[in-house]
């Protein structure tokens, strides 16, 4: 009587591809192109939802970082304008 053939190793599951636009969104947001990073992040989320690719967290991180930088930039501009306005209105007696 022959013994049954031994089982081989189970194939490893294939990880889903990471969406390229998700990576681009994160990198662009970190570099400082906030609006571009936000737009690309939303496009990446749409593609990920449609195709099932990985990278959802990267796209969300790109969007969040982009919005944070955008808000901080707006605050910085407001403070800068206020400082310039106050510097020009100083009167001497």
Protein backbone atom coordinates (compact mmCIF):
# COMPACT_ATOMS: atom_id res chain seq x y z
CA UNK A 1 0.00 0.00 0.00
CA UNK A 2 1.39 3.39 -0.90
CA UNK A 3 1.23 6.38 1.39
CA UNK A 4 -0.52 9.52 0.19
CA UNK A 5 1.61 12.33 -1.13
CA UNK A 6 2.41 14.93 1.53
CA UNK A 7 0.73 18.29 1.26
CA UNK A 8 2.84 21.17 0.08
CA UNK A 9 3.03 24.53 1.76
CA UNK A 10 -0.08 26.63 1.42
CA UNK A 11 0.30 29.41 -1.10
CA UNK A 12 0.79 32.76 0.56
CA UNK A 13 -2.04 35.21 -0.02
CA UNK A 14 -1.23 37.92 -2.50
CA UNK A 15 -1.39 41.39 -1.01
CA UNK A 16 -3.47 43.83 -3.05
CA UNK A 17 -1.55 46.37 -5.12
CA UNK A 18 -1.17 49.77 -3.55
CA UNK A 19 -2.80 52.56 -5.50
CA UNK A 20 -0.09 54.81 -6.94
CA UNK A 21 -2.18 57.97 -6.56
CA UNK A 22 -2.52 57.27 -2.83
CA UNK A 23 1.26 57.30 -2.49
CA UNK A 24 1.52 60.41 -4.67
CA UNK A 25 -1.12 62.16 -2.56
CA UNK A 26 0.80 61.53 0.65
CA UNK A 27 4.15 62.60 -0.79
CA UNK A 28 2.75 65.72 -2.47
CA UNK A 29 0.95 66.76 0.73
CA UNK A 30 4.12 66.32 2.78
CA UNK A 31 6.17 68.31 0.28
CA UNK A 32 3.75 71.21 0.58
CA UNK A 33 1.47 71.19 -2.46
CA UNK A 34 -1.59 70.94 -0.26
CA UNK A 35 -4.46 71.45 -2.71
CA UNK A 36 -2.90 69.06 -5.23
CA UNK A 37 -2.42 66.45 -2.50
CA UNK A 38 -6.02 66.79 -1.36
CA UNK A 39 -7.43 66.44 -4.89
CA UNK A 40 -5.21 63.46 -5.73
CA UNK A 41 -6.15 61.86 -2.40
CA UNK A 42 -9.86 62.03 -3.23
CA UNK A 43 -9.22 60.64 -6.71
CA UNK A 44 -7.20 57.80 -5.16
CA UNK A 45 -10.02 56.99 -2.72
CA UNK A 46 -12.44 56.80 -5.63
CA UNK A 47 -10.14 54.45 -7.56
CA UNK A 48 -9.51 52.30 -4.48
CA UNK A 49 -13.24 51.93 -3.90
CA UNK A 50 -13.77 50.94 -7.54
CA UNK A 51 -10.80 48.58 -8.00
CA UNK A 52 -10.24 47.18 -4.50
CA UNK A 53 -6.58 48.17 -4.45
CA UNK A 54 -4.74 48.90 -1.23
CA UNK A 55 -3.61 52.30 -0.04
CA UNK A 56 -6.77 53.69 1.51
CA UNK A 57 -4.87 54.78 4.61
CA UNK A 58 -2.22 56.51 2.52
CA UNK A 59 -4.86 58.43 0.59
CA UNK A 60 -6.61 59.48 3.79
CA UNK A 61 -3.29 60.53 5.32
CA UNK A 62 -2.53 62.63 2.23
CA UNK A 63 -5.93 64.32 2.49
CA UNK A 64 -5.62 64.97 6.24
CA UNK A 65 -2.06 66.31 5.99
CA UNK A 66 -3.10 68.49 3.06
CA UNK A 67 -6.03 69.98 4.98
CA UNK A 68 -3.90 70.57 8.10
CA UNK A 69 -1.23 72.35 6.06
CA UNK A 70 -3.89 74.36 4.25
CA UNK A 71 -5.49 75.50 7.52
CA UNK A 72 -2.11 76.34 9.05
CA UNK A 73 -1.18 78.27 5.91
CA UNK A 74 -4.37 80.31 6.05
CA UNK A 75 -3.79 81.07 9.75
CA UNK A 76 -0.21 82.10 8.99
CA UNK A 77 -1.36 84.45 6.22
CA UNK A 78 -3.99 86.01 8.51
CA UNK A 79 -1.40 86.57 11.27
CA UNK A 80 1.09 87.99 8.76
CA UNK A 81 -1.47 90.41 7.31
CA UNK A 82 -2.54 91.47 10.81
CA UNK A 83 1.06 92.14 11.80
CA UNK A 84 1.68 94.17 8.65
CA UNK A 85 -1.52 96.14 9.19
CA UNK A 86 -0.64 96.90 12.78
CA UNK A 87 2.90 97.92 11.84
CA UNK A 88 1.69 100.44 9.30
CA UNK A 89 -0.88 102.03 11.61
CA UNK A 90 1.50 102.86 14.45
CA UNK A 91 1.36 106.56 15.21
CA UNK A 92 3.97 108.60 17.01
CA UNK A 93 3.10 111.49 19.30
